[in-house]
Amino acid sequence: MPDSDFSQSRASMVKDQISKRGINDPTVLEAFGSIPRHLFVPKNKIDSAYFDGPLAIGYDQTISQPYIAALMTEILQLKPGLSALEIGTGSGYQAAILAYLGIKVYTIERIKNLGQKASDRFKALGYDIKVKISDGTLGWPEYAPYDRIIITAAAWSVPDALMDQLKAGGRIVAPLGGRMHQNLTILDKTSDNRIKEKKVCGCVFVPLIGEGV
């Protein structure tokens, strides 16, 4: 189905699900209005691609609700040229949004099939996103330190390896808490490597799995 058939649904998603809830960064709104979300969901769910909620993508994983993805993007406080490490590639939608915004994206997925499908989508869309099939809780030391880290799965705390791979002056956005409920949280690393933490809102994500949690 051609992308033009979904353009109205995408515009409505941005207006009714994202903008009306307080996301006002014009670059974020542009990205969500431009990236074809329907290419990041299973074919049997394509008619629900712009639904106001998360969607299952297999392997007990989900693509996040559009509003939550937009909120996480906005509070990362991005600008072109920054580097970002994403933990939990999933469908690849969030990584594509970051790449559209001019971020150098490194993303880790522990499930091989999901990571490979996401990599194929990135290539088809022309995005130079580095994908690693690995344990995301250990990070990706080869390209560290990162300006931003976004974690798309829930844990009680951010793994030490990821804290170590964040630049001084950098920011992590992550859902922190128990299995059934978390708080979307901002963690800023100061110039003297202290961490300042701020809770944003309640949320529910699949659990972060790996050696570092």
N, C-alpha and C. Protein backbone atom coordinates (compact mmCIF):
# COMPACT_ATOMS: atom_id res chain seq x y z
N MET A 1 0.85 -1.19 0.00
CA MET A 1 0.00 0.00 0.00
C MET A 1 0.89 1.24 0.00
N PRO A 2 0.67 2.20 -0.89
CA PRO A 2 1.54 3.37 -0.97
C PRO A 2 1.45 4.24 0.27
N ASP A 3 2.56 4.93 0.56
CA ASP A 3 2.62 5.77 1.76
C ASP A 3 1.54 6.84 1.76
N SER A 4 1.17 7.33 0.58
CA SER A 4 0.16 8.39 0.51
C SER A 4 -1.16 7.96 1.13
N ASP A 5 -1.43 6.65 1.15
CA ASP A 5 -2.67 6.16 1.74
C ASP A 5 -2.68 6.32 3.25
N PHE A 6 -1.51 6.52 3.85
CA PHE A 6 -1.41 6.66 5.30
C PHE A 6 -1.12 8.10 5.73
N SER A 7 -0.98 9.01 4.79
CA SER A 7 -0.57 10.38 5.14
C SER A 7 -1.59 11.06 6.05
N GLN A 8 -2.87 10.84 5.81
CA GLN A 8 -3.89 11.46 6.66
C GLN A 8 -3.86 10.87 8.07
N SER A 9 -3.68 9.56 8.15
CA SER A 9 -3.60 8.91 9.47
C SER A 9 -2.40 9.44 10.25
N ARG A 10 -1.28 9.64 9.56
CA ARG A 10 -0.08 10.14 10.22
C ARG A 10 -0.29 11.59 10.68
N ALA A 11 -0.91 12.39 9.86
CA ALA A 11 -1.19 13.78 10.24
C ALA A 11 -2.13 13.83 11.45
N SER A 12 -3.12 12.96 11.47
CA SER A 12 -4.05 12.92 12.60
C SER A 12 -3.34 12.45 13.87
N MET A 13 -2.43 11.49 13.73
CA MET A 13 -1.65 11.03 14.88
C MET A 13 -0.88 12.19 15.50
N VAL A 14 -0.22 12.97 14.66
CA VAL A 14 0.58 14.09 15.16
C VAL A 14 -0.31 15.13 15.82
N LYS A 15 -1.43 15.44 15.21
CA LYS A 15 -2.32 16.49 15.74
C LYS A 15 -3.05 16.04 16.99
N ASP A 16 -3.68 14.87 16.94
CA ASP A 16 -4.60 14.46 18.00
C ASP A 16 -3.95 13.67 19.14
N GLN A 17 -2.88 12.93 18.83
CA GLN A 17 -2.25 12.11 19.85
C GLN A 17 -1.01 12.75 20.47
N ILE A 18 -0.32 13.56 19.69
CA ILE A 18 0.97 14.08 20.13
C ILE A 18 0.90 15.56 20.49
N SER A 19 0.53 16.39 19.53
CA SER A 19 0.50 17.83 19.75
C SER A 19 -0.49 18.24 20.84
N LYS A 20 -1.68 17.67 20.81
CA LYS A 20 -2.71 18.04 21.79
C LYS A 20 -2.33 17.67 23.21
N ARG A 21 -1.37 16.76 23.37
CA ARG A 21 -0.94 16.35 24.71
C ARG A 21 0.28 17.13 25.18
N GLY A 22 0.66 18.14 24.44
CA GLY A 22 1.70 19.04 24.93
C GLY A 22 3.06 18.93 24.29
N ILE A 23 3.23 18.05 23.32
CA ILE A 23 4.50 18.00 22.60
C ILE A 23 4.50 19.14 21.59
N ASN A 24 5.42 20.08 21.76
CA ASN A 24 5.38 21.27 20.90
C ASN A 24 6.68 21.57 20.17
N ASP A 25 7.69 20.73 20.31
CA ASP A 25 8.94 20.93 19.57
C ASP A 25 8.65 20.70 18.08
N PRO A 26 8.79 21.72 17.25
CA PRO A 26 8.42 21.57 15.83
C PRO A 26 9.22 20.52 15.10
N THR A 27 10.47 20.31 15.50
CA THR A 27 11.28 19.29 14.81
C THR A 27 10.79 17.89 15.16
N VAL A 28 10.35 17.70 16.40
CA VAL A 28 9.80 16.40 16.82
C VAL A 28 8.49 16.13 16.08
N LEU A 29 7.64 17.13 16.02
CA LEU A 29 6.36 16.97 15.31
C LEU A 29 6.60 16.67 13.83
N GLU A 30 7.58 17.33 13.24
CA GLU A 30 7.90 17.07 11.84
C GLU A 30 8.37 15.64 11.63
N ALA A 31 9.22 15.16 12.54
CA ALA A 31 9.73 13.79 12.41
C ALA A 31 8.61 12.77 12.48
N PHE A 32 7.70 12.92 13.44
CA PHE A 32 6.61 11.97 13.58
C PHE A 32 5.60 12.10 12.45
N GLY A 33 5.56 13.26 11.84
CA GLY A 33 4.69 13.44 10.68
C GLY A 33 5.30 12.94 9.39
N SER A 34 6.59 12.63 9.42
CA SER A 34 7.31 12.23 8.22
C SER A 34 7.66 10.75 8.16
N ILE A 35 8.02 10.15 9.31
CA ILE A 35 8.44 8.75 9.32
C ILE A 35 7.22 7.84 9.15
N PRO A 36 7.23 6.94 8.17
CA PRO A 36 6.08 6.05 7.91
C PRO A 36 5.98 4.94 8.96
N ARG A 37 5.26 5.21 10.03
CA ARG A 37 5.15 4.26 11.14
C ARG A 37 4.61 2.90 10.68
N HIS A 38 3.77 2.90 9.65
CA HIS A 38 3.17 1.64 9.19
C HIS A 38 4.22 0.67 8.64
N LEU A 39 5.40 1.17 8.30
CA LEU A 39 6.46 0.28 7.83
C LEU A 39 7.18 -0.42 8.99
N PHE A 40 6.86 -0.04 10.21
CA PHE A 40 7.55 -0.58 11.39
C PHE A 40 6.67 -1.52 12.22
N VAL A 41 5.50 -1.86 11.71
CA VAL A 41 4.62 -2.79 12.43
C VAL A 41 4.43 -4.05 11.59
N PRO A 42 4.05 -5.17 12.21
CA PRO A 42 3.79 -6.38 11.43
C PRO A 42 2.69 -6.16 10.39
N LYS A 43 2.78 -6.86 9.29
CA LYS A 43 1.82 -6.66 8.20
C LYS A 43 0.38 -6.88 8.63
N ASN A 44 0.17 -7.80 9.57
CA ASN A 44 -1.20 -8.05 10.01
C ASN A 44 -1.73 -6.99 10.96
N LYS A 45 -0.88 -6.01 11.31
CA LYS A 45 -1.32 -4.90 12.17
C LYS A 45 -1.20 -3.55 11.46
N ILE A 46 -0.98 -3.58 10.17
CA ILE A 46 -0.70 -2.34 9.45
C ILE A 46 -1.87 -1.35 9.52
N ASP A 47 -3.09 -1.86 9.58
CA ASP A 47 -4.25 -0.96 9.67
C ASP A 47 -4.33 -0.27 11.02
N SER A 48 -3.59 -0.77 12.00
CA SER A 48 -3.58 -0.17 13.34
C SER A 48 -2.30 0.60 13.61
N ALA A 49 -1.51 0.85 12.57
CA ALA A 49 -0.18 1.45 12.75
C ALA A 49 -0.23 2.80 13.45
N TYR A 50 -1.29 3.57 13.26
CA TYR A 50 -1.38 4.91 13.83
C TYR A 50 -2.35 4.96 15.01
N PHE A 51 -2.65 3.78 15.57
CA PHE A 51 -3.50 3.63 16.74
C PHE A 51 -2.86 4.30 17.96
N ASP A 52 -3.69 4.83 18.85
CA ASP A 52 -3.22 5.54 20.04
C ASP A 52 -2.89 4.54 21.15
N GLY A 53 -1.84 3.79 20.96
CA GLY A 53 -1.42 2.81 21.95
C GLY A 53 -0.28 1.99 21.42
N PRO A 54 0.34 1.17 22.27
CA PRO A 54 1.43 0.29 21.81
C PRO A 54 0.87 -0.86 20.98
N LEU A 55 1.72 -1.45 20.16
CA LEU A 55 1.32 -2.60 19.34
C LEU A 55 2.37 -3.70 19.50
N ALA A 56 1.90 -4.94 19.57
CA ALA A 56 2.81 -6.08 19.66
C ALA A 56 3.54 -6.26 18.34
N ILE A 57 4.84 -6.55 18.41
CA ILE A 57 5.65 -6.78 17.21
C ILE A 57 6.28 -8.17 17.22
N GLY A 58 5.84 -9.01 18.15
CA GLY A 58 6.40 -10.35 18.26
C GLY A 58 7.46 -10.45 19.33
N TYR A 59 7.73 -11.68 19.77
CA TYR A 59 8.76 -11.97 20.78
C TYR A 59 8.49 -11.25 22.11
N ASP A 60 7.21 -11.02 22.41
CA ASP A 60 6.80 -10.32 23.64
C ASP A 60 7.32 -8.89 23.70
N GLN A 61 7.52 -8.27 22.54
CA GLN A 61 7.99 -6.89 22.45
C GLN A 61 6.90 -6.03 21.81
N THR A 62 7.02 -4.72 21.98
CA THR A 62 6.02 -3.80 21.43
C THR A 62 6.70 -2.61 20.76
N ILE A 63 5.94 -1.95 19.90
CA ILE A 63 6.30 -0.61 19.42
C ILE A 63 5.50 0.35 20.30
N SER A 64 6.16 1.32 20.88
CA SER A 64 5.55 2.18 21.88
C SER A 64 4.42 3.03 21.31
N GLN A 65 3.52 3.42 22.19
CA GLN A 65 2.48 4.38 21.86
C GLN A 65 3.13 5.62 21.23
N PRO A 66 2.56 6.18 20.16
CA PRO A 66 3.17 7.35 19.52
C PRO A 66 3.47 8.50 20.48
N TYR A 67 2.53 8.80 21.38
CA TYR A 67 2.76 9.91 22.31
C TYR A 67 3.97 9.67 23.19
N ILE A 68 4.11 8.45 23.72
CA ILE A 68 5.24 8.16 24.60
C ILE A 68 6.56 8.25 23.83
N ALA A 69 6.57 7.74 22.60
CA ALA A 69 7.77 7.84 21.77
C ALA A 69 8.13 9.31 21.51
N ALA A 70 7.11 10.12 21.26
CA ALA A 70 7.34 11.55 21.01
C ALA A 70 7.82 12.26 22.28
N LEU A 71 7.23 11.91 23.42
CA LEU A 71 7.65 12.51 24.68
C LEU A 71 9.10 12.17 24.98
N MET A 72 9.48 10.91 24.81
CA MET A 72 10.86 10.52 25.05
C MET A 72 11.81 11.27 24.12
N THR A 73 11.39 11.44 22.88
CA THR A 73 12.21 12.16 21.91
C THR A 73 12.39 13.61 22.33
N GLU A 74 11.30 14.26 22.74
CA GLU A 74 11.37 15.67 23.10
C GLU A 74 12.24 15.90 24.34
N ILE A 75 12.07 15.05 25.36
CA ILE A 75 12.82 15.30 26.59
C ILE A 75 14.28 14.88 26.49
N LEU A 76 14.65 14.21 25.40
CA LEU A 76 16.08 13.97 25.16
C LEU A 76 16.83 15.27 24.84
N GLN A 77 16.08 16.31 24.42
CA GLN A 77 16.66 17.60 24.06
C GLN A 77 17.77 17.44 23.03
N LEU A 78 17.34 17.03 21.86
CA LEU A 78 18.27 16.69 20.77
C LEU A 78 18.64 17.90 19.93
N LYS A 79 19.79 17.81 19.30
CA LYS A 79 20.17 18.74 18.25
C LYS A 79 21.05 17.98 17.27
N PRO A 80 21.00 18.34 15.99
CA PRO A 80 21.75 17.60 14.97
C PRO A 80 23.23 17.47 15.33
N GLY A 81 23.77 16.29 15.06
CA GLY A 81 25.19 16.05 15.30
C GLY A 81 25.49 15.31 16.59
N LEU A 82 24.52 15.24 17.50
CA LEU A 82 24.74 14.50 18.73
C LEU A 82 24.76 13.00 18.45
N SER A 83 25.39 12.25 19.35
CA SER A 83 25.37 10.79 19.26
C SER A 83 24.39 10.26 20.29
N ALA A 84 23.69 9.18 19.92
CA ALA A 84 22.72 8.58 20.84
C ALA A 84 22.82 7.06 20.78
N LEU A 85 22.82 6.45 21.95
CA LEU A 85 22.75 5.00 22.06
C LEU A 85 21.34 4.63 22.47
N GLU A 86 20.71 3.75 21.70
CA GLU A 86 19.38 3.25 22.04
C GLU A 86 19.50 1.81 22.52
N ILE A 87 18.88 1.52 23.64
CA ILE A 87 18.85 0.17 24.18
C ILE A 87 17.46 -0.40 23.94
N GLY A 88 17.37 -1.38 23.04
CA GLY A 88 16.08 -1.97 22.68
C GLY A 88 15.58 -1.44 21.34
N THR A 89 16.17 -1.94 20.26
CA THR A 89 15.81 -1.46 18.92
C THR A 89 14.35 -1.73 18.59
N GLY A 90 13.89 -2.94 18.95
CA GLY A 90 12.51 -3.30 18.64
C GLY A 90 12.23 -3.23 17.15
N SER A 91 11.19 -2.51 16.79
CA SER A 91 10.82 -2.36 15.38
C SER A 91 11.78 -1.45 14.63
N GLY A 92 12.48 -0.57 15.36
CA GLY A 92 13.36 0.40 14.74
C GLY A 92 12.76 1.78 14.59
N TYR A 93 11.50 1.94 14.98
CA TYR A 93 10.79 3.22 14.77
C TYR A 93 11.46 4.37 15.53
N GLN A 94 11.76 4.16 16.81
CA GLN A 94 12.37 5.23 17.59
C GLN A 94 13.74 5.61 17.03
N ALA A 95 14.52 4.64 16.63
CA ALA A 95 15.84 4.92 16.05
C ALA A 95 15.71 5.72 14.76
N ALA A 96 14.70 5.40 13.95
CA ALA A 96 14.48 6.13 12.71
C ALA A 96 14.11 7.58 12.99
N ILE A 97 13.31 7.80 14.02
CA ILE A 97 12.96 9.17 14.42
C ILE A 97 14.22 9.95 14.79
N LEU A 98 15.08 9.34 15.58
CA LEU A 98 16.32 10.00 15.99
C LEU A 98 17.20 10.32 14.79
N ALA A 99 17.31 9.36 13.88
CA ALA A 99 18.14 9.58 12.68
C ALA A 99 17.57 10.71 11.82
N TYR A 100 16.25 10.77 11.70
CA TYR A 100 15.61 11.85 10.94
C TYR A 100 15.99 13.21 11.52
N LEU A 101 16.17 13.27 12.82
CA LEU A 101 16.50 14.52 13.50
C LEU A 101 17.99 14.86 13.45
N GLY A 102 18.76 14.07 12.72
CA GLY A 102 20.16 14.38 12.52
C GLY A 102 21.08 13.83 13.59
N ILE A 103 20.59 12.83 14.32
CA ILE A 103 21.38 12.21 15.38
C ILE A 103 22.15 11.02 14.82
N LYS A 104 23.38 10.84 15.27
CA LYS A 104 24.16 9.65 14.93
C LYS A 104 23.72 8.53 15.88
N VAL A 105 23.02 7.54 15.34
CA VAL A 105 22.33 6.56 16.18
C VAL A 105 23.05 5.22 16.21
N TYR A 106 23.21 4.71 17.42
CA TYR A 106 23.72 3.36 17.66
C TYR A 106 22.63 2.65 18.46
N THR A 107 22.18 1.51 17.96
CA THR A 107 21.07 0.84 18.63
C THR A 107 21.36 -0.64 18.83
N ILE A 108 20.97 -1.15 20.00
CA ILE A 108 21.25 -2.53 20.39
C ILE A 108 19.94 -3.28 20.60
N GLU A 109 19.85 -4.46 20.01
CA GLU A 109 18.68 -5.34 20.16
C GLU A 109 19.17 -6.74 20.52
N ARG A 110 18.60 -7.32 21.57
CA ARG A 110 19.04 -8.66 21.98
C ARG A 110 18.40 -9.76 21.15
N ILE A 111 17.26 -9.48 20.48
CA ILE A 111 16.55 -10.50 19.70
C ILE A 111 16.98 -10.38 18.25
N LYS A 112 17.68 -11.38 17.75
CA LYS A 112 18.31 -11.31 16.43
C LYS A 112 17.33 -10.98 15.31
N ASN A 113 16.19 -11.63 15.29
CA ASN A 113 15.25 -11.43 14.21
C ASN A 113 14.72 -9.99 14.17
N LEU A 114 14.42 -9.44 15.33
CA LEU A 114 13.96 -8.05 15.39
C LEU A 114 15.06 -7.09 14.93
N GLY A 115 16.27 -7.33 15.41
CA GLY A 115 17.37 -6.45 15.02
C GLY A 115 17.65 -6.48 13.54
N GLN A 116 17.58 -7.66 12.93
CA GLN A 116 17.83 -7.77 11.50
C GLN A 116 16.73 -7.09 10.69
N LYS A 117 15.48 -7.28 11.10
CA LYS A 117 14.38 -6.62 10.39
C LYS A 117 14.48 -5.10 10.49
N ALA A 118 14.85 -4.62 11.67
CA ALA A 118 15.02 -3.18 11.83
C ALA A 118 16.14 -2.66 10.95
N SER A 119 17.25 -3.39 10.91
CA SER A 119 18.37 -2.99 10.07
C SER A 119 17.97 -2.91 8.61
N ASP A 120 17.18 -3.88 8.15
CA ASP A 120 16.70 -3.87 6.77
C ASP A 120 15.82 -2.65 6.51
N ARG A 121 14.98 -2.29 7.49
CA ARG A 121 14.13 -1.11 7.32
C ARG A 121 14.97 0.16 7.21
N PHE A 122 15.99 0.26 8.04
CA PHE A 122 16.86 1.44 8.01
C PHE A 122 17.50 1.59 6.63
N LYS A 123 18.00 0.49 6.09
CA LYS A 123 18.64 0.54 4.78
C LYS A 123 17.65 0.94 3.69
N ALA A 124 16.43 0.41 3.77
CA ALA A 124 15.41 0.73 2.77
C ALA A 124 15.02 2.20 2.82
N LEU A 125 15.07 2.79 4.02
CA LEU A 125 14.71 4.20 4.18
C LEU A 125 15.90 5.14 4.02
N GLY A 126 17.09 4.57 3.88
CA GLY A 126 18.27 5.39 3.65
C GLY A 126 18.91 5.95 4.90
N TYR A 127 18.68 5.31 6.06
CA TYR A 127 19.26 5.81 7.30
C TYR A 127 20.53 5.04 7.66
N ASP A 128 21.57 5.78 8.00
CA ASP A 128 22.85 5.19 8.41
C ASP A 128 22.82 4.99 9.92
N ILE A 129 22.19 3.92 10.35
CA ILE A 129 22.05 3.61 11.77
C ILE A 129 22.83 2.32 12.05
N LYS A 130 23.69 2.36 13.04
CA LYS A 130 24.47 1.18 13.38
C LYS A 130 23.65 0.30 14.33
N VAL A 131 23.52 -0.99 13.98
CA VAL A 131 22.73 -1.94 14.75
C VAL A 131 23.63 -3.05 15.27
N LYS A 132 23.46 -3.37 16.54
CA LYS A 132 24.22 -4.47 17.15
C LYS A 132 23.25 -5.45 17.80
N ILE A 133 23.43 -6.74 17.53
CA ILE A 133 22.64 -7.77 18.19
C ILE A 133 23.42 -8.21 19.41
N SER A 134 22.97 -7.80 20.59
CA SER A 134 23.77 -8.02 21.78
C SER A 134 22.94 -7.73 23.03
N ASP A 135 23.57 -7.85 24.17
CA ASP A 135 22.99 -7.52 25.46
C ASP A 135 23.09 -6.01 25.66
N GLY A 136 21.98 -5.32 25.57
CA GLY A 136 21.99 -3.86 25.66
C GLY A 136 22.39 -3.33 27.02
N THR A 137 22.23 -4.14 28.06
CA THR A 137 22.59 -3.65 29.40
C THR A 137 24.08 -3.42 29.55
N LEU A 138 24.87 -3.96 28.63
CA LEU A 138 26.32 -3.77 28.66
C LEU A 138 26.76 -2.61 27.79
N GLY A 139 25.80 -2.02 27.05
CA GLY A 139 26.11 -0.89 26.20
C GLY A 139 26.94 -1.27 24.98
N TRP A 140 27.59 -0.25 24.40
CA TRP A 140 28.39 -0.43 23.19
C TRP A 140 29.65 0.39 23.37
N PRO A 141 30.62 -0.12 24.12
CA PRO A 141 31.81 0.67 24.48
C PRO A 141 32.60 1.20 23.29
N GLU A 142 32.54 0.50 22.18
CA GLU A 142 33.35 0.87 21.01
C GLU A 142 33.11 2.31 20.57
N TYR A 143 31.87 2.79 20.69
CA TYR A 143 31.54 4.14 20.21
C TYR A 143 31.28 5.13 21.34
N ALA A 144 31.46 4.70 22.57
CA ALA A 144 31.25 5.58 23.73
C ALA A 144 32.37 6.63 23.82
N PRO A 145 32.09 7.75 24.49
CA PRO A 145 30.87 8.07 25.23
C PRO A 145 29.80 8.69 24.32
N TYR A 146 28.56 8.64 24.78
CA TYR A 146 27.41 9.12 24.01
C TYR A 146 26.83 10.39 24.64
N ASP A 147 26.32 11.25 23.78
CA ASP A 147 25.65 12.46 24.26
C ASP A 147 24.30 12.14 24.90
N ARG A 148 23.63 11.15 24.35
CA ARG A 148 22.31 10.76 24.83
C ARG A 148 22.20 9.23 24.84
N ILE A 149 21.45 8.71 25.80
CA ILE A 149 21.11 7.29 25.83
C ILE A 149 19.60 7.19 26.08
N ILE A 150 18.92 6.41 25.26
CA ILE A 150 17.50 6.18 25.43
C ILE A 150 17.28 4.69 25.64
N ILE A 151 16.58 4.36 26.71
CA ILE A 151 16.32 2.97 27.06
C ILE A 151 14.83 2.71 26.89
N THR A 152 14.49 1.74 26.05
CA THR A 152 13.09 1.50 25.73
C THR A 152 12.56 0.22 26.37
N ALA A 153 13.12 -0.12 27.52
CA ALA A 153 12.64 -1.24 28.32
C ALA A 153 12.88 -0.88 29.78
N ALA A 154 12.10 -1.50 30.68
CA ALA A 154 12.06 -1.05 32.06
C ALA A 154 13.00 -1.81 32.98
N ALA A 155 13.61 -1.06 33.91
CA ALA A 155 14.45 -1.64 34.94
C ALA A 155 14.32 -0.79 36.20
N TRP A 156 14.74 -1.34 37.33
CA TRP A 156 14.69 -0.57 38.57
C TRP A 156 15.67 0.59 38.53
N SER A 157 16.78 0.39 37.83
CA SER A 157 17.79 1.45 37.73
C SER A 157 18.54 1.28 36.41
N VAL A 158 19.25 2.32 36.02
CA VAL A 158 20.05 2.27 34.80
C VAL A 158 21.29 1.44 35.05
N PRO A 159 21.59 0.46 34.19
CA PRO A 159 22.80 -0.35 34.37
C PRO A 159 24.07 0.51 34.45
N ASP A 160 24.99 0.09 35.30
CA ASP A 160 26.23 0.85 35.51
C ASP A 160 26.99 1.07 34.21
N ALA A 161 27.01 0.07 33.33
CA ALA A 161 27.75 0.19 32.08
C ALA A 161 27.23 1.35 31.24
N LEU A 162 25.92 1.54 31.26
CA LEU A 162 25.34 2.63 30.47
C LEU A 162 25.64 3.99 31.10
N MET A 163 25.61 4.06 32.42
CA MET A 163 26.00 5.30 33.09
C MET A 163 27.43 5.67 32.74
N ASP A 164 28.30 4.67 32.70
CA ASP A 164 29.71 4.91 32.41
C ASP A 164 29.92 5.38 30.97
N GLN A 165 29.02 4.98 30.07
CA GLN A 165 29.17 5.31 28.65
C GLN A 165 28.49 6.62 28.26
N LEU A 166 27.90 7.31 29.24
CA LEU A 166 27.29 8.61 28.98
C LEU A 166 28.32 9.72 29.22
N LYS A 167 28.38 10.67 28.29
CA LYS A 167 29.28 11.80 28.44
C LYS A 167 28.89 12.66 29.63
N ALA A 168 29.85 13.33 30.22
CA ALA A 168 29.55 14.39 31.17
C ALA A 168 28.77 15.46 30.43
N GLY A 169 27.66 15.90 31.02
CA GLY A 169 26.77 16.83 30.34
C GLY A 169 25.72 16.13 29.50
N GLY A 170 25.75 14.79 29.48
CA GLY A 170 24.80 14.01 28.69
C GLY A 170 23.53 13.69 29.45
N ARG A 171 22.60 13.05 28.76
CA ARG A 171 21.28 12.76 29.32
C ARG A 171 20.83 11.36 28.95
N ILE A 172 20.24 10.68 29.92
CA ILE A 172 19.58 9.39 29.70
C ILE A 172 18.08 9.57 29.94
N VAL A 173 17.27 8.96 29.08
CA VAL A 173 15.84 8.88 29.31
C VAL A 173 15.48 7.41 29.37
N ALA A 174 14.79 7.02 30.45
CA ALA A 174 14.51 5.61 30.68
C ALA A 174 13.27 5.43 31.54
N PRO A 175 12.53 4.32 31.33
CA PRO A 175 11.43 3.98 32.24
C PRO A 175 11.98 3.18 33.42
N LEU A 176 11.87 3.73 34.61
CA LEU A 176 12.43 3.09 35.79
C LEU A 176 11.32 2.69 36.76
N GLY A 177 11.42 1.45 37.26
CA GLY A 177 10.43 0.97 38.21
C GLY A 177 10.25 -0.53 38.10
N GLY A 178 9.12 -1.02 38.63
CA GLY A 178 8.83 -2.44 38.63
C GLY A 178 8.23 -2.91 37.33
N ARG A 179 7.86 -4.18 37.30
CA ARG A 179 7.38 -4.78 36.05
C ARG A 179 6.05 -4.19 35.57
N MET A 180 5.17 -3.85 36.49
CA MET A 180 3.83 -3.43 36.11
C MET A 180 3.67 -1.93 35.95
N HIS A 181 4.60 -1.16 36.51
CA HIS A 181 4.49 0.31 36.40
C HIS A 181 5.87 0.93 36.60
N GLN A 182 6.15 1.92 35.78
CA GLN A 182 7.42 2.65 35.89
C GLN A 182 7.16 4.16 35.80
N ASN A 183 8.19 4.91 36.07
CA ASN A 183 8.20 6.35 35.84
C ASN A 183 9.19 6.66 34.72
N LEU A 184 8.71 7.36 33.70
CA LEU A 184 9.63 7.84 32.68
C LEU A 184 10.53 8.86 33.36
N THR A 185 11.84 8.64 33.26
CA THR A 185 12.79 9.38 34.09
C THR A 185 13.91 9.98 33.25
N ILE A 186 14.28 11.20 33.60
CA ILE A 186 15.43 11.88 33.00
C ILE A 186 16.59 11.79 33.99
N LEU A 187 17.75 11.37 33.50
CA LEU A 187 18.96 11.35 34.32
C LEU A 187 20.04 12.15 33.60
N ASP A 188 20.45 13.25 34.21
CA ASP A 188 21.47 14.12 33.65
C ASP A 188 22.79 13.91 34.39
N LYS A 189 23.86 13.76 33.62
CA LYS A 189 25.20 13.63 34.21
C LYS A 189 25.87 15.00 34.20
N THR A 190 26.24 15.48 35.36
CA THR A 190 26.86 16.80 35.47
C THR A 190 28.32 16.75 35.04
N SER A 191 28.93 17.90 34.96
CA SER A 191 30.33 17.98 34.53
C SER A 191 31.27 17.27 35.50
N ASP A 192 30.84 17.11 36.76
CA ASP A 192 31.67 16.39 37.73
C ASP A 192 31.14 14.97 37.97
N ASN A 193 30.37 14.48 36.96
CA ASN A 193 29.90 13.09 36.93
C ASN A 193 28.90 12.72 38.03
N ARG A 194 28.21 13.71 38.58
CA ARG A 194 27.08 13.41 39.46
C ARG A 194 25.83 13.21 38.60
N ILE A 195 24.83 12.51 39.13
CA ILE A 195 23.61 12.24 38.39
C ILE A 195 22.44 12.99 39.03
N LYS A 196 21.75 13.78 38.21
CA LYS A 196 20.53 14.45 38.65
C LYS A 196 19.35 13.75 38.00
N GLU A 197 18.36 13.38 38.82
CA GLU A 197 17.25 12.56 38.34
C GLU A 197 15.93 13.32 38.45
N LYS A 198 15.08 13.18 37.42
CA LYS A 198 13.78 13.84 37.42
C LYS A 198 12.74 12.90 36.83
N LYS A 199 11.65 12.66 37.56
CA LYS A 199 10.55 11.84 37.07
C LYS A 199 9.63 12.69 36.21
N VAL A 200 9.18 12.12 35.08
CA VAL A 200 8.35 12.87 34.14
C VAL A 200 6.89 12.44 34.22
N CYS A 201 6.63 11.14 34.09
CA CYS A 201 5.26 10.64 34.13
C CYS A 201 5.28 9.13 34.29
N GLY A 202 4.14 8.56 34.64
CA GLY A 202 4.02 7.11 34.72
C GLY A 202 3.98 6.50 33.33
N CYS A 203 4.42 5.24 33.24
CA CYS A 203 4.44 4.54 31.96
C CYS A 203 4.54 3.05 32.21
N VAL A 204 4.37 2.26 31.15
CA VAL A 204 4.52 0.81 31.25
C VAL A 204 5.31 0.32 30.04
N PHE A 205 6.46 -0.30 30.27
CA PHE A 205 7.31 -0.84 29.21
C PHE A 205 7.58 -2.32 29.51
N VAL A 206 7.98 -3.04 28.48
CA VAL A 206 8.44 -4.42 28.68
C VAL A 206 9.75 -4.37 29.47
N PRO A 207 10.09 -5.46 30.17
CA PRO A 207 11.27 -5.43 31.03
C PRO A 207 12.59 -5.45 30.26
N LEU A 208 13.57 -4.77 30.82
CA LEU A 208 14.93 -4.81 30.31
C LEU A 208 15.57 -6.13 30.78
N ILE A 209 16.17 -6.85 29.86
CA ILE A 209 16.75 -8.15 30.16
C ILE A 209 18.23 -8.14 29.79
N GLY A 210 19.06 -8.64 30.69
CA GLY A 210 20.48 -8.71 30.38
C GLY A 210 21.33 -8.87 31.61
N GLU A 211 22.61 -9.02 31.38
CA GLU A 211 23.58 -9.26 32.45
C GLU A 211 23.68 -8.10 33.42
N GLY A 212 23.41 -6.88 32.92
CA GLY A 212 23.63 -5.69 33.73
C GLY A 212 22.48 -5.30 34.62
N VAL A 213 21.40 -6.07 34.67
CA VAL A 213 20.26 -5.72 35.54
C VAL A 213 20.00 -6.83 36.56
